[in-house]
Amino acid sequence: MSDTTAIDPCKLELGHVKPSFPPTYWVLPNFPTEVGDSSTGQNYIRVPNDGVLWVDYSWGGDQQPSDSPYVFHMADGSKTPISKGENYIDVNDSDTIVYYNIYTVKLQFQVIESQANQTPPPTYWLLDDDAAEGKTSVVVPNSGILWIFYEWSLDYTQPPPNAPYVSHNGGGVTPIAPGENRIAVNSGDTFVFYNEYIVKFAFQMINT
């Protein structure tokens, strides 16, 4: 990667995909506003598989952000707006949630099989992008093993000084090392990263 645009939100870079990776996973690249898309501060979450994306959107403060999130559909380039509250959106595994890190937003999300019942899934991820604090927290959906792959832009000659980590609900912190990590977590645990760096995470809950 020679520049910031080389981080593609729809795949991992540098041939990092290995047989040890789970069959499906979310991908979250963080583009800081000042070095990513300076006009919009767009960030992305790539969905892991085909299905129905359940996403519940809210924001911090009393005033609605002027730029609302949406789902970008890779197949035809169309966009489906994400409204405040619950949304049920048909997705394919190359589709991407687009949100704006210049605002404080909360996104609860999960891929489900059907929207027939239109009820929230029993477990889901919760992303809290806190613009004021300059960091993003992602709450895991359930107890188990958090598989997470971490990398940063090659624009940095060294790893970002503020490394990401998992904050455990009962106390304690587990650093997230470059490359693959398997971290035992409980419901309510959170992985945290800092918005000022160009970094990317692939993540999923796995059995072992």
N, C-alpha and C. Protein backbone atom coordinates (compact mmCIF):
# COMPACT_ATOMS: atom_id res chain seq x y z
N MET A 1 0.85 -1.19 0.00
CA MET A 1 0.00 0.00 0.00
C MET A 1 0.88 1.24 0.00
N SER A 2 0.72 2.08 -0.97
CA SER A 2 1.56 3.25 -1.06
C SER A 2 0.89 4.51 -0.57
N ASP A 3 -0.44 4.49 -0.46
CA ASP A 3 -1.14 5.68 0.04
C ASP A 3 -2.41 5.24 0.74
N THR A 4 -3.13 6.22 1.33
CA THR A 4 -4.29 5.88 2.14
C THR A 4 -5.40 5.26 1.33
N THR A 5 -5.49 5.58 0.05
CA THR A 5 -6.58 5.03 -0.77
C THR A 5 -6.39 3.56 -1.05
N ALA A 6 -5.21 3.02 -0.75
CA ALA A 6 -4.95 1.61 -1.03
C ALA A 6 -5.68 0.69 -0.06
N ILE A 7 -6.19 1.21 1.04
CA ILE A 7 -6.97 0.37 1.95
C ILE A 7 -8.37 0.24 1.37
N ASP A 8 -8.67 -0.94 0.85
CA ASP A 8 -9.97 -1.20 0.24
C ASP A 8 -10.92 -1.67 1.33
N PRO A 9 -12.08 -1.03 1.51
CA PRO A 9 -12.98 -1.44 2.59
C PRO A 9 -13.60 -2.81 2.38
N CYS A 10 -13.45 -3.39 1.21
CA CYS A 10 -14.11 -4.66 0.92
C CYS A 10 -13.18 -5.86 0.99
N LYS A 11 -11.92 -5.67 1.31
CA LYS A 11 -11.05 -6.83 1.44
C LYS A 11 -9.85 -6.48 2.30
N LEU A 12 -9.18 -7.51 2.78
CA LEU A 12 -7.92 -7.32 3.47
C LEU A 12 -6.80 -7.20 2.44
N GLU A 13 -5.71 -6.56 2.84
CA GLU A 13 -4.61 -6.30 1.91
C GLU A 13 -3.47 -7.30 2.10
N LEU A 14 -2.54 -7.25 1.16
CA LEU A 14 -1.24 -7.91 1.27
C LEU A 14 -1.34 -9.43 1.37
N GLY A 15 -2.40 -10.02 0.82
CA GLY A 15 -2.52 -11.47 0.82
C GLY A 15 -2.66 -12.08 2.20
N HIS A 16 -3.26 -11.34 3.12
CA HIS A 16 -3.32 -11.81 4.51
C HIS A 16 -4.34 -12.92 4.75
N VAL A 17 -5.26 -13.13 3.81
CA VAL A 17 -6.29 -14.15 4.03
C VAL A 17 -5.64 -15.53 4.06
N LYS A 18 -5.87 -16.27 5.12
CA LYS A 18 -5.22 -17.56 5.34
C LYS A 18 -6.27 -18.62 5.63
N PRO A 19 -5.89 -19.90 5.52
CA PRO A 19 -6.86 -20.97 5.84
C PRO A 19 -7.39 -20.90 7.26
N SER A 20 -6.62 -20.25 8.16
CA SER A 20 -7.05 -20.17 9.56
C SER A 20 -8.15 -19.14 9.77
N PHE A 21 -8.42 -18.30 8.76
CA PHE A 21 -9.47 -17.31 8.90
C PHE A 21 -10.83 -18.00 8.96
N PRO A 22 -11.78 -17.46 9.72
CA PRO A 22 -13.14 -18.03 9.70
C PRO A 22 -13.76 -17.84 8.32
N PRO A 23 -14.79 -18.63 7.99
CA PRO A 23 -15.37 -18.55 6.64
C PRO A 23 -16.03 -17.22 6.35
N THR A 24 -16.53 -16.55 7.37
CA THR A 24 -17.13 -15.22 7.18
C THR A 24 -16.65 -14.30 8.29
N TYR A 25 -16.53 -13.02 7.96
CA TYR A 25 -16.11 -12.05 8.98
C TYR A 25 -16.48 -10.65 8.51
N TRP A 26 -16.65 -9.76 9.49
CA TRP A 26 -16.85 -8.35 9.23
C TRP A 26 -15.50 -7.69 8.97
N VAL A 27 -15.48 -6.62 8.18
CA VAL A 27 -14.26 -5.85 7.98
C VAL A 27 -14.58 -4.39 8.27
N LEU A 28 -13.76 -3.78 9.12
CA LEU A 28 -13.96 -2.38 9.51
C LEU A 28 -12.66 -1.62 9.32
N PRO A 29 -12.53 -0.85 8.22
CA PRO A 29 -11.38 0.04 8.09
C PRO A 29 -11.72 1.42 8.65
N ASN A 30 -10.81 1.99 9.38
CA ASN A 30 -11.01 3.33 9.94
C ASN A 30 -10.22 4.34 9.13
N PHE A 31 -10.92 5.31 8.55
CA PHE A 31 -10.28 6.41 7.83
C PHE A 31 -10.44 7.68 8.64
N PRO A 32 -9.40 8.16 9.30
CA PRO A 32 -9.52 9.44 10.00
C PRO A 32 -9.90 10.55 9.01
N THR A 33 -10.70 11.47 9.47
CA THR A 33 -11.19 12.54 8.59
C THR A 33 -10.05 13.31 7.95
N GLU A 34 -8.99 13.58 8.71
CA GLU A 34 -7.93 14.45 8.19
C GLU A 34 -7.04 13.74 7.17
N VAL A 35 -7.05 12.40 7.14
CA VAL A 35 -6.19 11.70 6.18
C VAL A 35 -6.99 10.76 5.29
N GLY A 36 -8.23 10.50 5.61
CA GLY A 36 -9.06 9.68 4.75
C GLY A 36 -9.81 10.56 3.78
N ASP A 37 -11.11 10.44 3.76
CA ASP A 37 -11.92 11.29 2.91
C ASP A 37 -12.21 12.57 3.67
N SER A 38 -11.40 13.62 3.42
CA SER A 38 -11.46 14.82 4.24
C SER A 38 -12.76 15.59 4.06
N SER A 39 -13.48 15.32 2.97
CA SER A 39 -14.72 16.06 2.74
C SER A 39 -15.90 15.47 3.49
N THR A 40 -15.86 14.17 3.78
CA THR A 40 -17.02 13.53 4.39
C THR A 40 -16.69 12.74 5.65
N GLY A 41 -15.45 12.26 5.82
CA GLY A 41 -15.14 11.41 6.95
C GLY A 41 -15.85 10.07 6.91
N GLN A 42 -15.99 9.49 5.71
CA GLN A 42 -16.70 8.22 5.59
C GLN A 42 -15.89 7.07 6.17
N ASN A 43 -16.57 6.19 6.90
CA ASN A 43 -16.01 4.93 7.35
C ASN A 43 -16.91 3.80 6.87
N TYR A 44 -16.39 2.58 6.98
CA TYR A 44 -17.06 1.46 6.33
C TYR A 44 -17.09 0.23 7.23
N ILE A 45 -18.14 -0.57 7.09
CA ILE A 45 -18.19 -1.90 7.70
C ILE A 45 -18.69 -2.86 6.63
N ARG A 46 -17.85 -3.76 6.19
CA ARG A 46 -18.26 -4.73 5.18
C ARG A 46 -19.01 -5.88 5.84
N VAL A 47 -20.18 -6.23 5.30
CA VAL A 47 -20.97 -7.31 5.88
C VAL A 47 -20.33 -8.66 5.55
N PRO A 48 -20.53 -9.67 6.41
CA PRO A 48 -19.79 -10.93 6.24
C PRO A 48 -20.42 -11.93 5.28
N ASN A 49 -21.72 -11.81 5.02
CA ASN A 49 -22.38 -12.84 4.21
C ASN A 49 -23.71 -12.33 3.69
N ASP A 50 -24.27 -13.07 2.74
CA ASP A 50 -25.59 -12.75 2.22
C ASP A 50 -26.64 -12.91 3.32
N GLY A 51 -27.72 -12.16 3.22
CA GLY A 51 -28.82 -12.29 4.17
C GLY A 51 -29.55 -10.97 4.31
N VAL A 52 -30.09 -10.76 5.48
CA VAL A 52 -30.77 -9.51 5.80
C VAL A 52 -29.98 -8.81 6.89
N LEU A 53 -29.55 -7.61 6.60
CA LEU A 53 -28.82 -6.81 7.60
C LEU A 53 -29.84 -6.13 8.50
N TRP A 54 -29.79 -6.49 9.79
CA TRP A 54 -30.56 -5.75 10.80
C TRP A 54 -29.63 -4.69 11.37
N VAL A 55 -30.03 -3.44 11.30
CA VAL A 55 -29.19 -2.37 11.83
C VAL A 55 -30.08 -1.33 12.50
N ASP A 56 -29.71 -0.98 13.73
CA ASP A 56 -30.43 0.02 14.51
C ASP A 56 -29.49 1.23 14.66
N TYR A 57 -29.95 2.37 14.20
CA TYR A 57 -29.10 3.57 14.12
C TYR A 57 -29.60 4.65 15.07
N SER A 58 -28.66 5.24 15.81
CA SER A 58 -28.97 6.41 16.64
C SER A 58 -27.73 7.29 16.66
N TRP A 59 -27.85 8.46 17.24
CA TRP A 59 -26.72 9.39 17.27
C TRP A 59 -26.65 10.10 18.61
N GLY A 60 -25.49 10.67 18.90
CA GLY A 60 -25.32 11.45 20.11
C GLY A 60 -25.75 12.89 19.90
N GLY A 61 -26.21 13.54 20.95
CA GLY A 61 -26.64 14.93 20.85
C GLY A 61 -28.11 15.05 20.47
N ASP A 62 -28.59 16.28 20.46
CA ASP A 62 -30.00 16.53 20.21
C ASP A 62 -30.34 16.69 18.73
N GLN A 63 -29.33 16.99 17.92
CA GLN A 63 -29.59 17.29 16.52
C GLN A 63 -29.13 16.15 15.62
N GLN A 64 -29.98 15.77 14.68
CA GLN A 64 -29.63 14.70 13.75
C GLN A 64 -28.47 15.12 12.86
N PRO A 65 -27.47 14.22 12.68
CA PRO A 65 -26.37 14.55 11.76
C PRO A 65 -26.90 14.83 10.35
N SER A 66 -26.23 15.72 9.65
CA SER A 66 -26.66 16.07 8.30
C SER A 66 -26.38 14.97 7.29
N ASP A 67 -25.45 14.07 7.61
CA ASP A 67 -25.13 12.95 6.74
C ASP A 67 -25.53 11.65 7.43
N SER A 68 -26.53 10.98 6.89
CA SER A 68 -27.00 9.73 7.49
C SER A 68 -26.25 8.55 6.89
N PRO A 69 -26.12 7.46 7.65
CA PRO A 69 -25.46 6.28 7.10
C PRO A 69 -26.33 5.60 6.04
N TYR A 70 -25.70 4.72 5.30
CA TYR A 70 -26.43 3.97 4.27
C TYR A 70 -25.69 2.67 3.98
N VAL A 71 -26.35 1.78 3.25
CA VAL A 71 -25.71 0.56 2.77
C VAL A 71 -25.38 0.74 1.30
N PHE A 72 -24.12 0.51 0.95
CA PHE A 72 -23.70 0.54 -0.45
C PHE A 72 -23.72 -0.88 -0.99
N HIS A 73 -24.48 -1.10 -2.07
CA HIS A 73 -24.60 -2.42 -2.68
C HIS A 73 -23.60 -2.53 -3.83
N MET A 74 -22.63 -3.43 -3.66
CA MET A 74 -21.53 -3.51 -4.60
C MET A 74 -21.98 -3.94 -6.00
N ALA A 75 -22.99 -4.79 -6.08
CA ALA A 75 -23.38 -5.37 -7.36
C ALA A 75 -23.83 -4.32 -8.37
N ASP A 76 -24.62 -3.36 -7.91
CA ASP A 76 -25.16 -2.37 -8.85
C ASP A 76 -24.85 -0.93 -8.47
N GLY A 77 -24.10 -0.72 -7.39
CA GLY A 77 -23.73 0.63 -7.00
C GLY A 77 -24.83 1.44 -6.34
N SER A 78 -25.94 0.78 -6.00
CA SER A 78 -27.06 1.51 -5.38
C SER A 78 -26.81 1.70 -3.89
N LYS A 79 -27.59 2.60 -3.29
CA LYS A 79 -27.48 2.90 -1.87
C LYS A 79 -28.84 2.77 -1.21
N THR A 80 -28.88 2.16 -0.04
CA THR A 80 -30.10 2.07 0.75
C THR A 80 -29.89 2.89 2.02
N PRO A 81 -30.65 3.97 2.22
CA PRO A 81 -30.47 4.78 3.43
C PRO A 81 -30.75 3.97 4.70
N ILE A 82 -30.03 4.29 5.76
CA ILE A 82 -30.27 3.72 7.09
C ILE A 82 -30.96 4.79 7.91
N SER A 83 -32.20 4.54 8.29
CA SER A 83 -32.99 5.50 9.05
C SER A 83 -32.75 5.33 10.54
N LYS A 84 -33.11 6.33 11.31
CA LYS A 84 -33.04 6.21 12.76
C LYS A 84 -33.94 5.06 13.20
N GLY A 85 -33.45 4.28 14.16
CA GLY A 85 -34.21 3.12 14.63
C GLY A 85 -33.83 1.88 13.84
N GLU A 86 -34.73 0.91 13.80
CA GLU A 86 -34.46 -0.38 13.19
C GLU A 86 -34.63 -0.34 11.68
N ASN A 87 -33.73 -1.06 11.00
CA ASN A 87 -33.77 -1.21 9.55
C ASN A 87 -33.52 -2.66 9.19
N TYR A 88 -34.19 -3.15 8.17
CA TYR A 88 -33.98 -4.49 7.65
C TYR A 88 -33.66 -4.35 6.16
N ILE A 89 -32.43 -4.71 5.78
CA ILE A 89 -31.95 -4.43 4.44
C ILE A 89 -31.35 -5.70 3.84
N ASP A 90 -31.82 -6.11 2.67
CA ASP A 90 -31.24 -7.26 1.97
C ASP A 90 -29.82 -6.91 1.54
N VAL A 91 -28.86 -7.82 1.84
CA VAL A 91 -27.46 -7.55 1.51
C VAL A 91 -26.80 -8.79 0.93
N ASN A 92 -25.71 -8.55 0.21
CA ASN A 92 -24.79 -9.59 -0.23
C ASN A 92 -23.46 -9.39 0.49
N ASP A 93 -22.59 -10.41 0.40
CA ASP A 93 -21.40 -10.38 1.25
C ASP A 93 -20.36 -9.34 0.83
N SER A 94 -20.56 -8.65 -0.27
CA SER A 94 -19.65 -7.58 -0.64
C SER A 94 -20.22 -6.20 -0.33
N ASP A 95 -21.43 -6.15 0.24
CA ASP A 95 -22.06 -4.86 0.55
C ASP A 95 -21.43 -4.26 1.80
N THR A 96 -21.60 -2.95 1.95
CA THR A 96 -20.88 -2.21 2.96
C THR A 96 -21.78 -1.17 3.64
N ILE A 97 -21.74 -1.14 4.98
CA ILE A 97 -22.35 -0.05 5.73
C ILE A 97 -21.40 1.14 5.66
N VAL A 98 -21.93 2.30 5.31
CA VAL A 98 -21.14 3.52 5.27
C VAL A 98 -21.67 4.47 6.34
N TYR A 99 -20.80 4.93 7.24
CA TYR A 99 -21.19 5.91 8.25
C TYR A 99 -20.12 6.98 8.32
N TYR A 100 -20.35 8.01 9.12
CA TYR A 100 -19.50 9.20 9.11
C TYR A 100 -18.88 9.41 10.49
N ASN A 101 -17.54 9.37 10.54
CA ASN A 101 -16.87 9.48 11.84
C ASN A 101 -16.68 10.91 12.30
N ILE A 102 -17.26 11.87 11.59
CA ILE A 102 -17.25 13.25 12.08
C ILE A 102 -18.41 13.49 13.04
N TYR A 103 -19.27 12.47 13.19
CA TYR A 103 -20.39 12.55 14.13
C TYR A 103 -20.26 11.43 15.16
N THR A 104 -20.91 11.60 16.31
CA THR A 104 -21.02 10.52 17.28
C THR A 104 -22.25 9.69 16.91
N VAL A 105 -22.01 8.45 16.48
CA VAL A 105 -23.11 7.59 16.04
C VAL A 105 -23.04 6.26 16.77
N LYS A 106 -24.19 5.61 16.88
CA LYS A 106 -24.28 4.26 17.40
C LYS A 106 -24.99 3.40 16.37
N LEU A 107 -24.38 2.25 16.08
CA LEU A 107 -24.94 1.29 15.14
C LEU A 107 -24.96 -0.07 15.81
N GLN A 108 -26.14 -0.64 15.94
CA GLN A 108 -26.27 -2.03 16.35
C GLN A 108 -26.56 -2.83 15.09
N PHE A 109 -25.83 -3.94 14.87
CA PHE A 109 -25.97 -4.61 13.59
C PHE A 109 -25.72 -6.11 13.69
N GLN A 110 -26.35 -6.83 12.79
CA GLN A 110 -26.19 -8.27 12.67
C GLN A 110 -26.81 -8.70 11.35
N VAL A 111 -26.29 -9.77 10.75
CA VAL A 111 -26.93 -10.35 9.57
C VAL A 111 -27.81 -11.50 10.02
N ILE A 112 -29.08 -11.47 9.59
CA ILE A 112 -30.04 -12.50 9.94
C ILE A 112 -30.54 -13.17 8.66
N GLU A 113 -31.24 -14.29 8.80
CA GLU A 113 -31.67 -15.05 7.63
C GLU A 113 -32.88 -14.45 6.94
N SER A 114 -33.79 -13.88 7.74
CA SER A 114 -35.05 -13.42 7.16
C SER A 114 -35.56 -12.22 7.93
N GLN A 115 -36.31 -11.36 7.25
CA GLN A 115 -36.93 -10.23 7.93
C GLN A 115 -38.43 -10.45 8.10
N ALA A 116 -38.86 -11.73 7.98
CA ALA A 116 -40.28 -12.02 8.03
C ALA A 116 -40.91 -11.56 9.34
N ASN A 117 -40.21 -11.79 10.46
CA ASN A 117 -40.78 -11.43 11.76
C ASN A 117 -40.49 -9.98 12.15
N GLN A 118 -39.49 -9.39 11.54
CA GLN A 118 -39.05 -8.03 11.85
C GLN A 118 -38.91 -7.82 13.37
N THR A 119 -38.16 -8.72 13.97
CA THR A 119 -37.83 -8.59 15.39
C THR A 119 -36.31 -8.54 15.53
N PRO A 120 -35.79 -7.81 16.51
CA PRO A 120 -34.33 -7.73 16.67
C PRO A 120 -33.72 -9.10 16.90
N PRO A 121 -32.53 -9.35 16.39
CA PRO A 121 -31.86 -10.63 16.63
C PRO A 121 -31.49 -10.76 18.11
N PRO A 122 -31.32 -11.99 18.60
CA PRO A 122 -30.99 -12.17 20.01
C PRO A 122 -29.61 -11.65 20.38
N THR A 123 -28.69 -11.64 19.43
CA THR A 123 -27.35 -11.10 19.67
C THR A 123 -26.95 -10.20 18.51
N TYR A 124 -26.14 -9.20 18.80
CA TYR A 124 -25.72 -8.28 17.75
C TYR A 124 -24.48 -7.52 18.22
N TRP A 125 -23.76 -6.96 17.24
CA TRP A 125 -22.64 -6.07 17.51
C TRP A 125 -23.16 -4.67 17.77
N LEU A 126 -22.44 -3.90 18.58
CA LEU A 126 -22.81 -2.51 18.84
C LEU A 126 -21.58 -1.64 18.66
N LEU A 127 -21.62 -0.77 17.65
CA LEU A 127 -20.53 0.16 17.40
C LEU A 127 -20.91 1.53 17.94
N ASP A 128 -20.03 2.09 18.77
CA ASP A 128 -20.21 3.42 19.33
C ASP A 128 -19.02 4.26 18.89
N ASP A 129 -19.23 5.11 17.89
CA ASP A 129 -18.16 5.98 17.38
C ASP A 129 -18.29 7.32 18.08
N ASP A 130 -17.40 7.57 19.02
CA ASP A 130 -17.47 8.78 19.84
C ASP A 130 -16.52 9.82 19.28
N ALA A 131 -17.07 10.76 18.50
CA ALA A 131 -16.24 11.78 17.86
C ALA A 131 -15.53 12.66 18.90
N ALA A 132 -16.21 12.93 20.01
CA ALA A 132 -15.63 13.81 21.03
C ALA A 132 -14.43 13.15 21.71
N GLU A 133 -14.53 11.85 21.99
CA GLU A 133 -13.46 11.12 22.67
C GLU A 133 -12.37 10.68 21.70
N GLY A 134 -12.68 10.67 20.39
CA GLY A 134 -11.69 10.26 19.41
C GLY A 134 -11.43 8.77 19.37
N LYS A 135 -12.40 7.99 19.77
CA LYS A 135 -12.20 6.54 19.71
C LYS A 135 -13.52 5.85 19.39
N THR A 136 -13.41 4.63 18.92
CA THR A 136 -14.57 3.82 18.58
C THR A 136 -14.54 2.55 19.40
N SER A 137 -15.70 2.17 19.93
CA SER A 137 -15.84 0.93 20.70
C SER A 137 -16.81 0.01 19.98
N VAL A 138 -16.48 -1.27 19.93
CA VAL A 138 -17.38 -2.27 19.34
C VAL A 138 -17.64 -3.33 20.40
N VAL A 139 -18.88 -3.41 20.85
CA VAL A 139 -19.27 -4.38 21.88
C VAL A 139 -19.56 -5.72 21.21
N VAL A 140 -18.97 -6.79 21.73
CA VAL A 140 -19.17 -8.12 21.14
C VAL A 140 -20.59 -8.60 21.42
N PRO A 141 -21.14 -9.47 20.56
CA PRO A 141 -22.55 -9.86 20.70
C PRO A 141 -22.81 -10.93 21.76
N ASN A 142 -21.78 -11.70 22.12
CA ASN A 142 -22.01 -12.81 23.04
C ASN A 142 -20.67 -13.29 23.59
N SER A 143 -20.74 -14.15 24.58
CA SER A 143 -19.53 -14.77 25.13
C SER A 143 -18.96 -15.78 24.13
N GLY A 144 -17.66 -15.95 24.15
CA GLY A 144 -17.01 -16.91 23.25
C GLY A 144 -15.60 -16.47 22.94
N ILE A 145 -15.17 -16.75 21.73
CA ILE A 145 -13.84 -16.37 21.26
C ILE A 145 -14.01 -15.29 20.19
N LEU A 146 -13.41 -14.13 20.46
CA LEU A 146 -13.37 -13.07 19.46
C LEU A 146 -12.15 -13.30 18.58
N TRP A 147 -12.41 -13.62 17.30
CA TRP A 147 -11.33 -13.67 16.32
C TRP A 147 -11.21 -12.28 15.71
N ILE A 148 -10.00 -11.71 15.74
CA ILE A 148 -9.83 -10.37 15.21
C ILE A 148 -8.46 -10.26 14.56
N PHE A 149 -8.45 -9.75 13.34
CA PHE A 149 -7.23 -9.52 12.60
C PHE A 149 -7.01 -8.02 12.51
N TYR A 150 -5.81 -7.58 12.87
CA TYR A 150 -5.51 -6.15 12.95
C TYR A 150 -4.34 -5.80 12.04
N GLU A 151 -4.50 -4.72 11.25
CA GLU A 151 -3.39 -4.19 10.48
C GLU A 151 -3.53 -2.68 10.37
N TRP A 152 -2.47 -2.02 9.92
CA TRP A 152 -2.50 -0.56 9.77
C TRP A 152 -1.91 -0.19 8.42
N SER A 153 -2.15 1.04 8.01
CA SER A 153 -1.66 1.52 6.73
C SER A 153 -0.14 1.51 6.69
N LEU A 154 0.41 1.14 5.53
CA LEU A 154 1.85 1.18 5.38
C LEU A 154 2.39 2.60 5.24
N ASP A 155 1.48 3.58 5.29
CA ASP A 155 1.95 4.97 5.38
C ASP A 155 2.67 5.20 6.70
N TYR A 156 2.38 4.35 7.70
CA TYR A 156 3.05 4.47 8.99
C TYR A 156 4.30 3.58 8.98
N THR A 157 5.44 4.14 9.35
CA THR A 157 6.66 3.34 9.41
C THR A 157 6.70 2.47 10.66
N GLN A 158 5.89 2.83 11.66
CA GLN A 158 5.77 2.06 12.88
C GLN A 158 4.29 1.86 13.18
N PRO A 159 3.95 0.85 14.00
CA PRO A 159 2.55 0.70 14.40
C PRO A 159 2.06 1.96 15.10
N PRO A 160 0.78 2.28 14.98
CA PRO A 160 0.24 3.44 15.71
C PRO A 160 0.55 3.31 17.21
N PRO A 161 0.94 4.40 17.86
CA PRO A 161 1.37 4.31 19.27
C PRO A 161 0.24 3.91 20.22
N ASN A 162 -0.99 4.30 19.91
CA ASN A 162 -2.12 3.89 20.74
C ASN A 162 -2.74 2.63 20.14
N ALA A 163 -2.30 1.49 20.63
CA ALA A 163 -2.73 0.22 20.05
C ALA A 163 -4.17 -0.10 20.46
N PRO A 164 -4.90 -0.82 19.62
CA PRO A 164 -6.25 -1.25 20.00
C PRO A 164 -6.19 -2.32 21.10
N TYR A 165 -7.32 -2.50 21.75
CA TYR A 165 -7.36 -3.46 22.85
C TYR A 165 -8.79 -3.91 23.09
N VAL A 166 -8.92 -5.00 23.85
CA VAL A 166 -10.23 -5.46 24.32
C VAL A 166 -10.37 -5.07 25.78
N SER A 167 -11.44 -4.36 26.08
CA SER A 167 -11.77 -4.00 27.46
C SER A 167 -12.79 -5.00 27.98
N HIS A 168 -12.42 -5.72 29.04
CA HIS A 168 -13.30 -6.77 29.57
C HIS A 168 -14.27 -6.17 30.59
N ASN A 169 -15.50 -6.60 30.49
CA ASN A 169 -16.59 -6.04 31.29
C ASN A 169 -16.32 -6.16 32.78
N GLY A 170 -15.67 -7.24 33.20
CA GLY A 170 -15.38 -7.43 34.61
C GLY A 170 -14.09 -6.78 35.07
N GLY A 171 -13.43 -6.06 34.17
CA GLY A 171 -12.15 -5.45 34.48
C GLY A 171 -11.02 -6.12 33.73
N GLY A 172 -10.01 -5.38 33.42
CA GLY A 172 -8.86 -5.92 32.70
C GLY A 172 -8.91 -5.57 31.22
N VAL A 173 -7.72 -5.62 30.60
CA VAL A 173 -7.54 -5.24 29.21
C VAL A 173 -6.66 -6.27 28.53
N THR A 174 -7.00 -6.64 27.30
CA THR A 174 -6.17 -7.52 26.49
C THR A 174 -5.75 -6.76 25.24
N PRO A 175 -4.44 -6.54 25.03
CA PRO A 175 -4.00 -5.85 23.81
C PRO A 175 -4.35 -6.65 22.56
N ILE A 176 -4.62 -5.96 21.46
CA ILE A 176 -4.83 -6.59 20.17
C ILE A 176 -3.54 -6.44 19.37
N ALA A 177 -2.87 -7.54 19.11
CA ALA A 177 -1.58 -7.53 18.43
C ALA A 177 -1.78 -7.47 16.91
N PRO A 178 -0.77 -7.02 16.17
CA PRO A 178 -0.87 -7.08 14.71
C PRO A 178 -1.07 -8.52 14.24
N GLY A 179 -1.86 -8.68 13.18
CA GLY A 179 -2.16 -10.01 12.67
C GLY A 179 -3.35 -10.62 13.37
N GLU A 180 -3.36 -11.94 13.46
CA GLU A 180 -4.51 -12.66 14.01
C GLU A 180 -4.46 -12.72 15.53
N ASN A 181 -5.64 -12.56 16.14
CA ASN A 181 -5.81 -12.69 17.58
C ASN A 181 -7.04 -13.55 17.86
N ARG A 182 -6.96 -14.36 18.89
CA ARG A 182 -8.11 -15.09 19.40
C ARG A 182 -8.21 -14.78 20.89
N ILE A 183 -9.26 -14.08 21.27
CA ILE A 183 -9.36 -13.55 22.62
C ILE A 183 -10.67 -14.02 23.25
N ALA A 184 -10.58 -14.66 24.41
CA ALA A 184 -11.78 -15.08 25.13
C ALA A 184 -12.51 -13.85 25.65
N VAL A 185 -13.81 -13.76 25.35
CA VAL A 185 -14.59 -12.60 25.76
C VAL A 185 -15.91 -13.05 26.38
N ASN A 186 -16.48 -12.16 27.14
CA ASN A 186 -17.83 -12.35 27.67
C ASN A 186 -18.75 -11.29 27.07
N SER A 187 -20.03 -11.56 27.12
CA SER A 187 -21.01 -10.59 26.63
C SER A 187 -20.78 -9.25 27.33
N GLY A 188 -20.72 -8.19 26.57
CA GLY A 188 -20.47 -6.86 27.12
C GLY A 188 -19.03 -6.41 26.99
N ASP A 189 -18.11 -7.33 26.66
CA ASP A 189 -16.73 -6.91 26.40
C ASP A 189 -16.66 -6.09 25.11
N THR A 190 -15.62 -5.30 24.99
CA THR A 190 -15.56 -4.31 23.92
C THR A 190 -14.16 -4.23 23.34
N PHE A 191 -14.06 -4.19 22.00
CA PHE A 191 -12.75 -3.83 21.46
C PHE A 191 -12.76 -2.37 21.05
N VAL A 192 -11.64 -1.72 21.31
CA VAL A 192 -11.53 -0.26 21.23
C VAL A 192 -10.37 0.11 20.33
N PHE A 193 -10.58 1.10 19.46
CA PHE A 193 -9.47 1.65 18.68
C PHE A 193 -9.62 3.15 18.58
N TYR A 194 -8.55 3.81 18.16
CA TYR A 194 -8.50 5.27 18.14
C TYR A 194 -8.70 5.79 16.72
N ASN A 195 -9.56 6.80 16.60
CA ASN A 195 -10.01 7.26 15.29
C ASN A 195 -8.96 8.03 14.50
N GLU A 196 -7.84 8.39 15.13
CA GLU A 196 -6.86 9.23 14.43
C GLU A 196 -5.94 8.42 13.52
N TYR A 197 -6.06 7.09 13.53
CA TYR A 197 -5.16 6.26 12.74
C TYR A 197 -5.91 5.51 11.64
N ILE A 198 -5.18 5.26 10.53
CA ILE A 198 -5.73 4.43 9.46
C ILE A 198 -5.45 2.98 9.81
N VAL A 199 -6.46 2.28 10.26
CA VAL A 199 -6.30 0.90 10.70
C VAL A 199 -7.46 0.07 10.14
N LYS A 200 -7.26 -1.23 10.15
CA LYS A 200 -8.32 -2.12 9.66
C LYS A 200 -8.43 -3.34 10.56
N PHE A 201 -9.69 -3.75 10.76
CA PHE A 201 -9.99 -4.95 11.55
C PHE A 201 -10.90 -5.87 10.74
N ALA A 202 -10.57 -7.14 10.77
CA ALA A 202 -11.53 -8.18 10.39
C ALA A 202 -11.90 -8.88 11.70
N PHE A 203 -13.19 -9.14 11.91
CA PHE A 203 -13.57 -9.69 13.20
C PHE A 203 -14.80 -10.56 13.08
N GLN A 204 -14.88 -11.53 13.99
CA GLN A 204 -16.02 -12.46 14.04
C GLN A 204 -15.95 -13.22 15.35
N MET A 205 -17.09 -13.68 15.82
CA MET A 205 -17.13 -14.60 16.96
C MET A 205 -17.00 -16.02 16.41
N ILE A 206 -16.12 -16.82 17.04
CA ILE A 206 -15.89 -18.19 16.60
C ILE A 206 -16.00 -19.14 17.79
N ASN A 207 -16.00 -20.43 17.49
CA ASN A 207 -16.17 -21.43 18.55
C ASN A 207 -14.85 -21.74 19.26
N THR A 208 -13.76 -21.78 18.52
CA THR A 208 -12.47 -22.15 19.13
C THR A 208 -11.38 -21.23 18.60
